[in-house]
Protein backbone atom coordinates (compact mmCIF):
# COMPACT_ATOMS: atom_id res chain seq x y z
CA MET A 1 0.11 0.01 0.07
CA ALA A 2 3.02 2.21 0.17
CA GLY A 3 2.48 5.39 -2.03
CA THR A 4 -1.35 5.25 -2.04
CA LYS A 5 -3.83 7.53 -0.13
CA ALA A 6 -4.99 4.43 2.13
CA GLY A 7 -1.27 3.80 2.94
CA GLY A 8 -0.80 7.27 3.99
CA GLN A 9 -3.75 7.20 6.23
CA ALA A 10 -2.43 3.86 7.90
CA ALA A 11 0.88 5.60 8.54
CA ALA A 12 -0.38 8.43 10.02
CA ALA A 13 -2.81 6.36 12.25
CA THR A 14 0.29 4.42 13.25
CA ASN A 15 2.29 7.59 14.01
CA LYS A 16 -0.51 9.00 15.98
CA ALA A 17 -0.68 5.95 18.03
CA LYS A 18 2.81 5.50 18.71
CA TYR A 19 3.83 9.19 19.41
CA GLY A 20 0.43 10.71 20.51
CA ALA A 21 -2.49 12.63 18.65
CA ASP A 22 -0.52 15.89 18.26
CA PHE A 23 2.56 14.11 16.58
CA TYR A 24 2.11 16.25 13.26
CA ALA A 25 1.72 19.45 15.40
CA LYS A 26 4.98 18.75 17.31
CA ILE A 27 7.04 18.09 14.22
CA GLY A 28 5.56 21.25 12.57
CA ALA A 29 6.18 23.22 15.38
CA ALA A 30 9.85 21.87 15.55
CA GLY A 31 10.58 22.73 12.06
CA GLY A 32 9.23 26.46 12.44
CA LYS A 33 11.59 26.91 15.39
CA LYS A 34 14.49 25.60 13.79
CA GLY A 35 14.18 28.28 10.94
CA ARG A 36 16.71 31.10 11.36
CA THR A 37 16.36 33.35 8.30
CA GLY A 38 13.90 35.43 9.66
CA GLY A 39 11.44 35.68 6.46
CA PHE A 40 9.26 38.81 5.93
CA PHE A 41 8.60 38.99 9.70
CA ALA A 42 12.04 40.24 10.19
CA ASN A 43 11.32 43.36 8.02
CA ARG A 44 7.64 44.44 8.05
CA GLU A 45 8.21 47.34 5.75
CA LEU A 46 9.85 45.13 3.06
CA ALA A 47 6.73 42.76 3.42
CA ARG A 48 4.25 45.76 3.18
CA GLN A 49 6.13 46.86 -0.02
CA ALA A 50 6.11 43.34 -1.69
CA GLY A 51 2.58 43.18 -0.81
CA ALA A 52 1.56 46.23 -2.36
CA LYS A 53 3.58 45.39 -5.50
CA GLY A 54 1.56 41.94 -5.63
CA GLY A 55 -1.58 43.89 -5.30
CA ARG A 56 -0.88 46.08 -8.19
CA ILE A 57 -0.31 43.43 -10.75
CA SER A 58 -3.56 42.13 -11.82
CA ARG A 59 -3.92 38.79 -13.49
CA ARG A 60 -7.17 39.67 -14.89
CA THR A 61 -7.81 40.71 -18.31
CA LYS A 62 -8.73 44.33 -18.96
CA LYS A 63 -12.52 44.66 -19.65
CA THR A 64 -13.55 46.59 -22.84
CA ALA A 65 -16.79 48.25 -22.45
């Protein structure tokens, strides 16, 4: 069953039974804490500028009315 949806669900059930119901929350939190690059949160002004740029770029076609 390896590589199938059913196999993944079985593996998840096994992991939760072995390591607790919050297994995936724990490994996700550990990964988040290990990061040291800062990301956008380190520079809020840069994040604001990037969001503004993205907001100005429309992916919709211009309507001709």
